[in-house]
Amino acid sequence: MSHNNLSDRTDNSADKDQSVASAAEKQVRLRVERIVVELAPNPDGEHSEIGRLAEEFGYHSLALLELAFTLEDEFDLPPLDEKTARAILTISDVVNHVIKELRASGELS
């Protein structure tokens, strides 16, 4: 067996690991988006990553708290601090926060 074949196999294994990680992240993204829409006071808002929580989905302070608690329970996340919570304005912000926390805890690679 040549050295090139061994490195090709190693590269394929790395690609496979990356593909699994990407699939896991995609599943998390879809779950988060589904939760945001399901809990939204106005679920008919813009269903895209740029959908703004307050403007398009009608999230107000109590609904935002419910969303935060649901995501914490669903993904076993630590509680949001006020600074982080104030920076979360869109669906994309919510998704990115969950992904970041899951990576930090080792749940996602």
C-alpha atoms as a PDB file:
ATOM      1  CA  MET A   1       0.000   0.000   0.000  1.00  0.00           C
ATOM      2  CA  SER A   2       1.438   3.333  -0.950  1.00  0.00           C
ATOM      3  CA  HIS A   3       1.629   6.313   1.372  1.00  0.00           C
ATOM      4  CA  ASN A   4      -0.772   8.231  -0.882  1.00  0.00           C
ATOM      5  CA  ASN A   5      -3.534   5.647  -0.398  1.00  0.00           C
ATOM      6  CA  LEU A   6      -3.148   5.903   3.380  1.00  0.00           C
ATOM      7  CA  SER A   7      -3.400   9.691   3.321  1.00  0.00           C
ATOM      8  CA  ASP A   8      -6.415   9.465   1.006  1.00  0.00           C
ATOM      9  CA  ARG A   9      -8.122   7.201   3.518  1.00  0.00           C
ATOM     10  CA  THR A  10      -7.276   9.586   6.365  1.00  0.00           C
ATOM     11  CA  ASP A  11      -8.661  12.520   4.363  1.00  0.00           C
ATOM     12  CA  ASN A  12     -11.870  10.584   3.649  1.00  0.00           C
ATOM     13  CA  SER A  13     -12.254   9.818   7.353  1.00  0.00           C
ATOM     14  CA  ALA A  14     -11.842  13.507   8.206  1.00  0.00           C
ATOM     15  CA  ASP A  15     -14.392  14.416   5.518  1.00  0.00           C
ATOM     16  CA  LYS A  16     -16.809  11.865   6.966  1.00  0.00           C
ATOM     17  CA  ASP A  17     -16.343  13.269  10.494  1.00  0.00           C
ATOM     18  CA  GLN A  18     -16.955  16.786   9.169  1.00  0.00           C
ATOM     19  CA  SER A  19     -20.066  15.597   7.340  1.00  0.00           C
ATOM     20  CA  VAL A  20     -21.459  14.029  10.524  1.00  0.00           C
ATOM     21  CA  ALA A  21     -20.701  17.221  12.467  1.00  0.00           C
ATOM     22  CA  SER A  22     -22.388  19.298   9.765  1.00  0.00           C
ATOM     23  CA  ALA A  23     -25.442  17.033   9.842  1.00  0.00           C
ATOM     24  CA  ALA A  24     -25.664  17.324  13.638  1.00  0.00           C
ATOM     25  CA  GLU A  25     -25.390  21.109  13.442  1.00  0.00           C
ATOM     26  CA  LYS A  26     -28.038  21.232  10.723  1.00  0.00           C
ATOM     27  CA  GLN A  27     -30.390  19.204  12.932  1.00  0.00           C
ATOM     28  CA  VAL A  28     -29.815  21.600  15.832  1.00  0.00           C
ATOM     29  CA  ARG A  29     -30.449  24.577  13.564  1.00  0.00           C
ATOM     30  CA  LEU A  30     -33.732  23.096  12.351  1.00  0.00           C
ATOM     31  CA  ARG A  31     -34.867  22.264  15.907  1.00  0.00           C
ATOM     32  CA  VAL A  32     -34.085  25.777  17.139  1.00  0.00           C
ATOM     33  CA  GLU A  33     -35.900  27.401  14.220  1.00  0.00           C
ATOM     34  CA  ARG A  34     -38.926  25.137  14.807  1.00  0.00           C
ATOM     35  CA  ILE A  35     -39.019  26.064  18.517  1.00  0.00           C
ATOM     36  CA  VAL A  36     -38.764  29.793  17.747  1.00  0.00           C
ATOM     37  CA  VAL A  37     -41.706  29.595  15.345  1.00  0.00           C
ATOM     38  CA  GLU A  38     -43.808  27.319  17.583  1.00  0.00           C
ATOM     39  CA  LEU A  39     -43.480  29.609  20.613  1.00  0.00           C
ATOM     40  CA  ALA A  40     -43.853  32.866  18.670  1.00  0.00           C
ATOM     41  CA  PRO A  41     -46.825  35.055  19.590  1.00  0.00           C
ATOM     42  CA  ASN A  42     -47.116  35.735  15.832  1.00  0.00           C
ATOM     43  CA  PRO A  43     -45.955  32.502  14.136  1.00  0.00           C
ATOM     44  CA  ASP A  44     -46.754  33.949  10.707  1.00  0.00           C
ATOM     45  CA  GLY A  45     -43.630  36.135  10.806  1.00  0.00           C
ATOM     46  CA  GLU A  46     -40.813  35.951   8.302  1.00  0.00           C
ATOM     47  CA  HIS A  47     -39.528  32.375   8.340  1.00  0.00           C
ATOM     48  CA  SER A  48     -35.910  33.084   7.549  1.00  0.00           C
ATOM     49  CA  GLU A  49     -32.732  33.465   9.536  1.00  0.00           C
ATOM     50  CA  ILE A  50     -33.129  37.233   9.385  1.00  0.00           C
ATOM     51  CA  GLY A  51     -36.614  37.135  10.881  1.00  0.00           C
ATOM     52  CA  ARG A  52     -36.547  39.603  13.771  1.00  0.00           C
ATOM     53  CA  LEU A  53     -37.967  38.172  16.971  1.00  0.00           C
ATOM     54  CA  ALA A  54     -39.852  41.275  18.156  1.00  0.00           C
ATOM     55  CA  GLU A  55     -40.916  42.798  14.846  1.00  0.00           C
ATOM     56  CA  GLU A  56     -41.780  39.747  12.711  1.00  0.00           C
ATOM     57  CA  PHE A  57     -42.712  37.210  15.385  1.00  0.00           C
ATOM     58  CA  GLY A  58     -44.187  39.481  18.038  1.00  0.00           C
ATOM     59  CA  TYR A  59     -41.882  38.349  20.823  1.00  0.00           C
ATOM     60  CA  HIS A  60     -42.203  40.498  23.952  1.00  0.00           C
ATOM     61  CA  SER A  61     -40.315  40.165  27.225  1.00  0.00           C
ATOM     62  CA  LEU A  62     -42.414  37.331  28.661  1.00  0.00           C
ATOM     63  CA  ALA A  63     -42.400  35.380  25.395  1.00  0.00           C
ATOM     64  CA  LEU A  64     -38.629  35.856  25.126  1.00  0.00           C
ATOM     65  CA  LEU A  65     -38.215  34.435  28.629  1.00  0.00           C
ATOM     66  CA  GLU A  66     -40.331  31.438  27.685  1.00  0.00           C
ATOM     67  CA  LEU A  67     -38.208  30.930  24.566  1.00  0.00           C
ATOM     68  CA  ALA A  68     -34.984  31.154  26.586  1.00  0.00           C
ATOM     69  CA  PHE A  69     -36.235  28.658  29.199  1.00  0.00           C
ATOM     70  CA  THR A  70     -37.442  26.258  26.508  1.00  0.00           C
ATOM     71  CA  LEU A  71     -34.099  26.339  24.695  1.00  0.00           C
ATOM     72  CA  GLU A  72     -32.211  25.914  27.982  1.00  0.00           C
ATOM     73  CA  ASP A  73     -34.309  22.830  28.774  1.00  0.00           C
ATOM     74  CA  GLU A  74     -34.253  21.402  25.244  1.00  0.00           C
ATOM     75  CA  PHE A  75     -30.491  21.693  24.787  1.00  0.00           C
ATOM     76  CA  ASP A  76     -29.329  21.668  28.439  1.00  0.00           C
ATOM     77  CA  LEU A  77     -27.883  25.186  28.106  1.00  0.00           C
ATOM     78  CA  PRO A  78     -26.718  27.471  30.885  1.00  0.00           C
ATOM     79  CA  PRO A  79     -28.979  30.448  31.641  1.00  0.00           C
ATOM     80  CA  LEU A  80     -28.568  33.514  29.427  1.00  0.00           C
ATOM     81  CA  ASP A  81     -26.873  36.525  30.902  1.00  0.00           C
ATOM     82  CA  GLU A  82     -28.490  39.898  30.285  1.00  0.00           C
ATOM     83  CA  LYS A  83     -25.802  41.155  27.898  1.00  0.00           C
ATOM     84  CA  THR A  84     -26.111  38.076  25.660  1.00  0.00           C
ATOM     85  CA  ALA A  85     -29.911  38.175  25.783  1.00  0.00           C
ATOM     86  CA  ARG A  86     -29.974  41.803  24.632  1.00  0.00           C
ATOM     87  CA  ALA A  87     -27.788  40.929  21.615  1.00  0.00           C
ATOM     88  CA  ILE A  88     -30.187  38.231  20.380  1.00  0.00           C
ATOM     89  CA  LEU A  89     -32.525  39.926  17.929  1.00  0.00           C
ATOM     90  CA  THR A  90     -33.095  37.465  15.071  1.00  0.00           C
ATOM     91  CA  ILE A  91     -33.657  33.756  14.524  1.00  0.00           C
ATOM     92  CA  SER A  92     -30.060  33.568  13.315  1.00  0.00           C
ATOM     93  CA  ASP A  93     -28.866  35.077  16.594  1.00  0.00           C
ATOM     94  CA  VAL A  94     -30.803  32.437  18.542  1.00  0.00           C
ATOM     95  CA  VAL A  95     -29.436  29.600  16.407  1.00  0.00           C
ATOM     96  CA  ASN A  96     -25.870  30.881  16.617  1.00  0.00           C
ATOM     97  CA  HIS A  97     -26.109  31.225  20.396  1.00  0.00           C
ATOM     98  CA  VAL A  98     -27.332  27.633  20.810  1.00  0.00           C
ATOM     99  CA  ILE A  99     -24.644  26.296  18.440  1.00  0.00           C
ATOM    100  CA  LYS A 100     -21.942  28.267  20.290  1.00  0.00           C
ATOM    101  CA  GLU A 101     -23.076  26.950  23.673  1.00  0.00           C
ATOM    102  CA  LEU A 102     -23.273  23.362  22.406  1.00  0.00           C
ATOM    103  CA  ARG A 103     -19.760  23.622  20.977  1.00  0.00           C
ATOM    104  CA  ALA A 104     -18.461  25.082  24.237  1.00  0.00           C
ATOM    105  CA  SER A 105     -19.948  22.157  26.160  1.00  0.00           C
ATOM    106  CA  GLY A 106     -18.580  19.589  23.697  1.00  0.00           C
ATOM    107  CA  GLU A 107     -22.022  18.527  22.478  1.00  0.00           C
ATOM    108  CA  LEU A 108     -21.150  19.678  18.935  1.00  0.00           C
ATOM    109  CA  SER A 109     -17.749  19.714  17.312  1.00  0.00           C
END
